Amino acid sequence: MARMGADLRRQDFVEATVKVIAEHGVANATTRRIAAAAGCPLASLHYLFHTKEDLFYAVFETLFNLPQQALEHGPIGTTEAEAAAGLLRNLVHWFIAHPDSAAAQYDLFIWANRNAPEMAASIYAEALVSTQQAIERSVGYSVDQELLGVVSRLMVQLLDGLIIAWSAHRDDDRLRDETETACEALGMLVSSRLPRKKAARRTAS
């Protein structure tokens, strides 16, 4: 029971941190403010997270894992182009429904790049792996690894760019329109790369 209580309290602090960062930014996300937002004693926060960096990493993990759930709902058996576009669309729609998470993730990543670059690099690498796995799961077979790497990197970069732009203009309809343009561009890249890959394999055989 004690372990369950600690896990629940830990999640309370993580959720409070997301809200505080979204509202006040990382620079003003003090442990005192986070504890107040969670409705928990400050001593409990310091007991569960020895440093603010430990807390931020836990938040990073949560912000990374939650939107990945959107990747699990991509259509199965589609083409590579349709799978990549569908997954990007699902991710953007998840962030539209969770604006605090989008704001906190962006601010935290900027903070990590400056203060904890190894953490930022680790999160980015995990995002690429999860994206690659989601694409293969959607198409239902193993995709050429070189193509998979190119598509996954572009998909993550497009998502980051869309979210950054959205943080400035805050227009959901505009974000949806820009997402469709990004999906079209992503699909065109995949379609243009596939014929060359297949031709190369036929020549080699």
C-alpha atoms as a PDB file:
ATOM      1  CA  MET A   1       0.000   0.000   0.000  1.00  0.00           C
ATOM      2  CA  ALA A   2       2.848   2.409   0.858  1.00  0.00           C
ATOM      3  CA  ARG A   3       4.395   1.852  -2.564  1.00  0.00           C
ATOM      4  CA  MET A   4       1.065   2.586  -4.247  1.00  0.00           C
ATOM      5  CA  GLY A   5       0.751   5.796  -2.217  1.00  0.00           C
ATOM      6  CA  ALA A   6       4.243   6.909  -3.205  1.00  0.00           C
ATOM      7  CA  ASP A   7       3.554   6.204  -6.880  1.00  0.00           C
ATOM      8  CA  LEU A   8       0.321   8.200  -6.779  1.00  0.00           C
ATOM      9  CA  ARG A   9       2.005  11.091  -4.988  1.00  0.00           C
ATOM     10  CA  ARG A  10       4.833  11.013  -7.512  1.00  0.00           C
ATOM     11  CA  GLN A  11       2.313  11.263 -10.356  1.00  0.00           C
ATOM     12  CA  ASP A  12       0.581  14.161  -8.578  1.00  0.00           C
ATOM     13  CA  PHE A  13       3.865  16.061  -8.561  1.00  0.00           C
ATOM     14  CA  VAL A  14       4.529  15.275 -12.222  1.00  0.00           C
ATOM     15  CA  GLU A  15       1.072  16.519 -13.263  1.00  0.00           C
ATOM     16  CA  ALA A  16       1.470  19.630 -11.123  1.00  0.00           C
ATOM     17  CA  THR A  17       4.841  20.333 -12.698  1.00  0.00           C
ATOM     18  CA  VAL A  18       3.342  20.157 -16.187  1.00  0.00           C
ATOM     19  CA  LYS A  19       0.691  22.712 -15.199  1.00  0.00           C
ATOM     20  CA  VAL A  20       3.189  25.032 -13.504  1.00  0.00           C
ATOM     21  CA  ILE A  21       5.621  24.941 -16.431  1.00  0.00           C
ATOM     22  CA  ALA A  22       2.813  25.509 -18.926  1.00  0.00           C
ATOM     23  CA  GLU A  23       1.613  28.533 -16.953  1.00  0.00           C
ATOM     24  CA  HIS A  24       4.854  30.022 -15.621  1.00  0.00           C
ATOM     25  CA  GLY A  25       7.704  28.477 -17.637  1.00  0.00           C
ATOM     26  CA  VAL A  26      10.589  26.310 -16.455  1.00  0.00           C
ATOM     27  CA  ALA A  27      12.482  29.256 -14.971  1.00  0.00           C
ATOM     28  CA  ASN A  28       9.615  29.957 -12.560  1.00  0.00           C
ATOM     29  CA  ALA A  29       8.756  26.335 -11.811  1.00  0.00           C
ATOM     30  CA  THR A  30      10.025  26.366  -8.230  1.00  0.00           C
ATOM     31  CA  THR A  31       9.606  23.307  -6.057  1.00  0.00           C
ATOM     32  CA  ARG A  32       7.529  25.362  -3.624  1.00  0.00           C
ATOM     33  CA  ARG A  33       5.143  26.420  -6.410  1.00  0.00           C
ATOM     34  CA  ILE A  34       4.929  22.835  -7.721  1.00  0.00           C
ATOM     35  CA  ALA A  35       4.188  21.427  -4.245  1.00  0.00           C
ATOM     36  CA  ALA A  36       1.440  24.020  -3.777  1.00  0.00           C
ATOM     37  CA  ALA A  37      -0.079  23.140  -7.158  1.00  0.00           C
ATOM     38  CA  ALA A  38      -0.051  19.453  -6.187  1.00  0.00           C
ATOM     39  CA  GLY A  39      -1.591  20.221  -2.795  1.00  0.00           C
ATOM     40  CA  CYS A  40       1.212  18.272  -1.127  1.00  0.00           C
ATOM     41  CA  PRO A  41       3.939  19.136   1.410  1.00  0.00           C
ATOM     42  CA  LEU A  42       7.196  20.456  -0.022  1.00  0.00           C
ATOM     43  CA  ALA A  43       9.069  17.858   2.051  1.00  0.00           C
ATOM     44  CA  SER A  44       7.243  15.079   0.192  1.00  0.00           C
ATOM     45  CA  LEU A  45       8.428  16.453  -3.157  1.00  0.00           C
ATOM     46  CA  HIS A  46      12.051  16.525  -1.989  1.00  0.00           C
ATOM     47  CA  TYR A  47      11.702  13.012  -0.588  1.00  0.00           C
ATOM     48  CA  LEU A  48      10.457  11.579  -3.891  1.00  0.00           C
ATOM     49  CA  PHE A  49      12.694  13.710  -6.149  1.00  0.00           C
ATOM     50  CA  HIS A  50      16.122  14.468  -4.724  1.00  0.00           C
ATOM     51  CA  THR A  51      16.796  17.212  -7.271  1.00  0.00           C
ATOM     52  CA  LYS A  52      14.717  19.367  -9.583  1.00  0.00           C
ATOM     53  CA  GLU A  53      16.484  17.633 -12.487  1.00  0.00           C
ATOM     54  CA  ASP A  54      15.099  14.287 -11.249  1.00  0.00           C
ATOM     55  CA  LEU A  55      11.614  15.777 -11.241  1.00  0.00           C
ATOM     56  CA  PHE A  56      12.038  17.292 -14.704  1.00  0.00           C
ATOM     57  CA  TYR A  57      13.252  13.973 -16.089  1.00  0.00           C
ATOM     58  CA  ALA A  58      10.157  12.243 -14.672  1.00  0.00           C
ATOM     59  CA  VAL A  59       8.033  14.918 -16.341  1.00  0.00           C
ATOM     60  CA  PHE A  60       9.930  14.396 -19.593  1.00  0.00           C
ATOM     61  CA  GLU A  61       9.195  10.664 -19.452  1.00  0.00           C
ATOM     62  CA  THR A  62       5.498  11.309 -18.879  1.00  0.00           C
ATOM     63  CA  LEU A  63       5.290  13.897 -21.653  1.00  0.00           C
ATOM     64  CA  PHE A  64       7.062  11.470 -23.944  1.00  0.00           C
ATOM     65  CA  ASN A  65       4.998   8.398 -23.093  1.00  0.00           C
ATOM     66  CA  LEU A  66       1.516   9.924 -23.165  1.00  0.00           C
ATOM     67  CA  PRO A  67       1.523  11.175 -26.779  1.00  0.00           C
ATOM     68  CA  GLN A  68       3.094   7.893 -27.851  1.00  0.00           C
ATOM     69  CA  GLN A  69      -0.278   6.328 -27.022  1.00  0.00           C
ATOM     70  CA  ALA A  70      -1.594   8.206 -30.055  1.00  0.00           C
ATOM     71  CA  LEU A  71       0.859   6.227 -32.164  1.00  0.00           C
ATOM     72  CA  GLU A  72      -0.788   2.986 -31.096  1.00  0.00           C
ATOM     73  CA  HIS A  73      -4.013   3.905 -32.864  1.00  0.00           C
ATOM     74  CA  GLY A  74      -2.670   4.222 -36.379  1.00  0.00           C
ATOM     75  CA  PRO A  75      -4.420   2.135 -39.067  1.00  0.00           C
ATOM     76  CA  ILE A  76      -2.929  -1.303 -39.684  1.00  0.00           C
ATOM     77  CA  GLY A  77      -1.988  -2.503 -43.164  1.00  0.00           C
ATOM     78  CA  THR A  78      -1.607   0.926 -44.790  1.00  0.00           C
ATOM     79  CA  THR A  79       1.226   1.942 -47.089  1.00  0.00           C
ATOM     80  CA  GLU A  80       4.356   3.475 -45.588  1.00  0.00           C
ATOM     81  CA  ALA A  81       3.275   6.926 -46.826  1.00  0.00           C
ATOM     82  CA  GLU A  82      -0.219   6.621 -45.329  1.00  0.00           C
ATOM     83  CA  ALA A  83       1.140   5.243 -42.056  1.00  0.00           C
ATOM     84  CA  ALA A  84       3.629   8.078 -41.553  1.00  0.00           C
ATOM     85  CA  ALA A  85       1.049  10.750 -42.394  1.00  0.00           C
ATOM     86  CA  GLY A  86      -1.583   9.161 -40.163  1.00  0.00           C
ATOM     87  CA  LEU A  87       0.772   8.914 -37.211  1.00  0.00           C
ATOM     88  CA  LEU A  88       1.856  12.553 -37.541  1.00  0.00           C
ATOM     89  CA  ARG A  89      -1.790  13.609 -37.719  1.00  0.00           C
ATOM     90  CA  ASN A  90      -2.662  11.583 -34.605  1.00  0.00           C
ATOM     91  CA  LEU A  91       0.207  13.120 -32.629  1.00  0.00           C
ATOM     92  CA  VAL A  92      -0.766  16.678 -33.534  1.00  0.00           C
ATOM     93  CA  HIS A  93      -4.395  16.041 -32.627  1.00  0.00           C
ATOM     94  CA  TRP A  94      -3.271  14.647 -29.249  1.00  0.00           C
ATOM     95  CA  PHE A  95      -1.336  17.820 -28.500  1.00  0.00           C
ATOM     96  CA  ILE A  96      -4.318  19.986 -29.524  1.00  0.00           C
ATOM     97  CA  ALA A  97      -6.349  18.127 -26.907  1.00  0.00           C
ATOM     98  CA  HIS A  98      -3.553  18.578 -24.302  1.00  0.00           C
ATOM     99  CA  PRO A  99      -2.213  22.139 -24.724  1.00  0.00           C
ATOM    100  CA  ASP A 100      -0.546  22.215 -21.281  1.00  0.00           C
ATOM    101  CA  SER A 101       1.504  19.161 -22.224  1.00  0.00           C
ATOM    102  CA  ALA A 102       2.530  20.764 -25.510  1.00  0.00           C
ATOM    103  CA  ALA A 103       3.643  23.978 -23.788  1.00  0.00           C
ATOM    104  CA  ALA A 104       5.499  22.147 -21.025  1.00  0.00           C
ATOM    105  CA  GLN A 105       7.258  19.778 -23.413  1.00  0.00           C
ATOM    106  CA  TYR A 106       8.514  22.642 -25.588  1.00  0.00           C
ATOM    107  CA  ASP A 107       9.758  24.688 -22.612  1.00  0.00           C
ATOM    108  CA  LEU A 108      11.368  21.656 -20.974  1.00  0.00           C
ATOM    109  CA  PHE A 109      13.197  20.649 -24.137  1.00  0.00           C
ATOM    110  CA  ILE A 110      14.661  24.153 -24.490  1.00  0.00           C
ATOM    111  CA  TRP A 111      15.733  23.973 -20.845  1.00  0.00           C
ATOM    112  CA  ALA A 112      17.260  20.511 -21.294  1.00  0.00           C
ATOM    113  CA  ASN A 113      19.233  21.580 -24.368  1.00  0.00           C
ATOM    114  CA  ARG A 114      20.878  24.287 -22.289  1.00  0.00           C
ATOM    115  CA  ASN A 115      21.178  22.597 -18.915  1.00  0.00           C
ATOM    116  CA  ALA A 116      21.018  18.830 -19.463  1.00  0.00           C
ATOM    117  CA  PRO A 117      21.997  18.070 -23.083  1.00  0.00           C
ATOM    118  CA  GLU A 118      22.413  14.338 -22.396  1.00  0.00           C
ATOM    119  CA  MET A 119      18.802  14.202 -21.215  1.00  0.00           C
ATOM    120  CA  ALA A 120      17.628  16.017 -24.342  1.00  0.00           C
ATOM    121  CA  ALA A 121      19.628  13.674 -26.590  1.00  0.00           C
ATOM    122  CA  SER A 122      18.237  10.616 -24.790  1.00  0.00           C
ATOM    123  CA  ILE A 123      14.627  11.788 -25.129  1.00  0.00           C
ATOM    124  CA  TYR A 124      15.119  12.574 -28.825  1.00  0.00           C
ATOM    125  CA  ALA A 125      16.635   9.116 -29.451  1.00  0.00           C
ATOM    126  CA  GLU A 126      13.708   7.438 -27.679  1.00  0.00           C
ATOM    127  CA  ALA A 127      11.253   9.445 -29.771  1.00  0.00           C
ATOM    128  CA  LEU A 128      12.895   8.206 -32.977  1.00  0.00           C
ATOM    129  CA  VAL A 129      12.809   4.566 -31.871  1.00  0.00           C
ATOM    130  CA  SER A 130       9.140   4.772 -30.865  1.00  0.00           C
ATOM    131  CA  THR A 131       8.264   6.468 -34.148  1.00  0.00           C
ATOM    132  CA  GLN A 132      10.052   3.777 -36.154  1.00  0.00           C
ATOM    133  CA  GLN A 133       8.254   1.038 -34.233  1.00  0.00           C
ATOM    134  CA  ALA A 134       4.897   2.752 -34.742  1.00  0.00           C
ATOM    135  CA  ILE A 135       5.414   2.995 -38.507  1.00  0.00           C
ATOM    136  CA  GLU A 136       6.334  -0.688 -38.798  1.00  0.00           C
ATOM    137  CA  ARG A 137       3.373  -1.646 -36.629  1.00  0.00           C
ATOM    138  CA  SER A 138       1.041   0.369 -38.848  1.00  0.00           C
ATOM    139  CA  VAL A 139       2.229  -1.124 -42.144  1.00  0.00           C
ATOM    140  CA  GLY A 140       2.409  -4.619 -40.664  1.00  0.00           C
ATOM    141  CA  TYR A 141       5.873  -5.575 -41.910  1.00  0.00           C
ATOM    142  CA  SER A 142       9.535  -4.629 -41.592  1.00  0.00           C
ATOM    143  CA  VAL A 143      10.370  -1.437 -43.492  1.00  0.00           C
ATOM    144  CA  ASP A 144      13.710  -0.717 -45.174  1.00  0.00           C
ATOM    145  CA  GLN A 145      15.836   0.588 -42.284  1.00  0.00           C
ATOM    146  CA  GLU A 146      17.421   3.468 -44.171  1.00  0.00           C
ATOM    147  CA  LEU A 147      14.038   4.714 -45.344  1.00  0.00           C
ATOM    148  CA  LEU A 148      12.578   4.156 -41.883  1.00  0.00           C
ATOM    149  CA  GLY A 149      15.290   6.306 -40.332  1.00  0.00           C
ATOM    150  CA  VAL A 150      14.783   9.141 -42.824  1.00  0.00           C
ATOM    151  CA  VAL A 151      10.999   9.121 -42.402  1.00  0.00           C
ATOM    152  CA  SER A 152      11.129   8.927 -38.604  1.00  0.00           C
ATOM    153  CA  ARG A 153      13.539  11.844 -38.312  1.00  0.00           C
ATOM    154  CA  LEU A 154      11.475  13.986 -40.671  1.00  0.00           C
ATOM    155  CA  MET A 155       8.274  13.087 -38.845  1.00  0.00           C
ATOM    156  CA  VAL A 156       9.725  14.147 -35.469  1.00  0.00           C
ATOM    157  CA  GLN A 157      11.119  17.355 -36.983  1.00  0.00           C
ATOM    158  CA  LEU A 158       7.790  18.216 -38.606  1.00  0.00           C
ATOM    159  CA  LEU A 159       5.964  17.613 -35.335  1.00  0.00           C
ATOM    160  CA  ASP A 160       8.384  19.845 -33.428  1.00  0.00           C
ATOM    161  CA  GLY A 161       8.052  22.609 -36.009  1.00  0.00           C
ATOM    162  CA  LEU A 162       4.258  22.431 -36.014  1.00  0.00           C
ATOM    163  CA  ILE A 163       4.068  22.588 -32.214  1.00  0.00           C
ATOM    164  CA  ILE A 164       6.517  25.508 -32.020  1.00  0.00           C
ATOM    165  CA  ALA A 165       4.514  27.466 -34.595  1.00  0.00           C
ATOM    166  CA  TRP A 166       1.281  26.647 -32.757  1.00  0.00           C
ATOM    167  CA  SER A 167       2.769  27.963 -29.509  1.00  0.00           C
ATOM    168  CA  ALA A 168       3.100  31.316 -31.283  1.00  0.00           C
ATOM    169  CA  HIS A 169      -0.173  31.624 -33.210  1.00  0.00           C
ATOM    170  CA  ARG A 170      -2.449  29.467 -30.969  1.00  0.00           C
ATOM    171  CA  ASP A 171      -4.884  28.833 -33.810  1.00  0.00           C
ATOM    172  CA  ASP A 172      -6.094  25.207 -33.746  1.00  0.00           C
ATOM    173  CA  ASP A 173      -7.650  25.370 -37.203  1.00  0.00           C
ATOM    174  CA  ARG A 174      -4.453  26.773 -38.671  1.00  0.00           C
ATOM    175  CA  LEU A 175      -2.482  24.002 -36.968  1.00  0.00           C
ATOM    176  CA  ARG A 176      -4.779  21.366 -38.499  1.00  0.00           C
ATOM    177  CA  ASP A 177      -4.363  22.915 -41.951  1.00  0.00           C
ATOM    178  CA  GLU A 178      -0.578  23.092 -41.575  1.00  0.00           C
ATOM    179  CA  THR A 179      -0.563  19.502 -40.335  1.00  0.00           C
ATOM    180  CA  GLU A 180      -2.312  18.323 -43.500  1.00  0.00           C
ATOM    181  CA  THR A 181       0.324  20.126 -45.574  1.00  0.00           C
ATOM    182  CA  ALA A 182       3.055  18.452 -43.525  1.00  0.00           C
ATOM    183  CA  CYS A 183       1.369  15.056 -43.933  1.00  0.00           C
ATOM    184  CA  GLU A 184       1.221  15.552 -47.695  1.00  0.00           C
ATOM    185  CA  ALA A 185       4.911  16.456 -47.812  1.00  0.00           C
ATOM    186  CA  LEU A 186       5.807  13.460 -45.645  1.00  0.00           C
ATOM    187  CA  GLY A 187       3.789  11.114 -47.850  1.00  0.00           C
ATOM    188  CA  MET A 188       5.423  12.480 -50.996  1.00  0.00           C
ATOM    189  CA  LEU A 189       8.879  11.882 -49.532  1.00  0.00           C
ATOM    190  CA  VAL A 190       8.060   8.275 -48.677  1.00  0.00           C
ATOM    191  CA  SER A 191       6.467   7.609 -52.067  1.00  0.00           C
ATOM    192  CA  SER A 192       9.431   9.120 -53.913  1.00  0.00           C
ATOM    193  CA  ARG A 193      11.950   7.029 -51.972  1.00  0.00           C
ATOM    194  CA  LEU A 194      10.165   3.685 -52.257  1.00  0.00           C
ATOM    195  CA  PRO A 195      10.567   3.128 -56.038  1.00  0.00           C
ATOM    196  CA  ARG A 196      14.325   3.677 -55.821  1.00  0.00           C
ATOM    197  CA  LYS A 197      14.636   1.232 -52.941  1.00  0.00           C
ATOM    198  CA  LYS A 198      12.622  -1.445 -54.718  1.00  0.00           C
ATOM    199  CA  ALA A 199      14.524  -0.937 -57.968  1.00  0.00           C
ATOM    200  CA  ALA A 200      17.827  -1.218 -56.165  1.00  0.00           C
ATOM    201  CA  ARG A 201      16.782  -4.507 -54.609  1.00  0.00           C
ATOM    202  CA  ARG A 202      15.695  -5.931 -57.980  1.00  0.00           C
ATOM    203  CA  THR A 203      19.043  -4.939 -59.549  1.00  0.00           C
ATOM    204  CA  ALA A 204      20.976  -6.536 -56.717  1.00  0.00           C
ATOM    205  CA  SER A 205      19.079  -9.813 -57.108  1.00  0.00           C
END
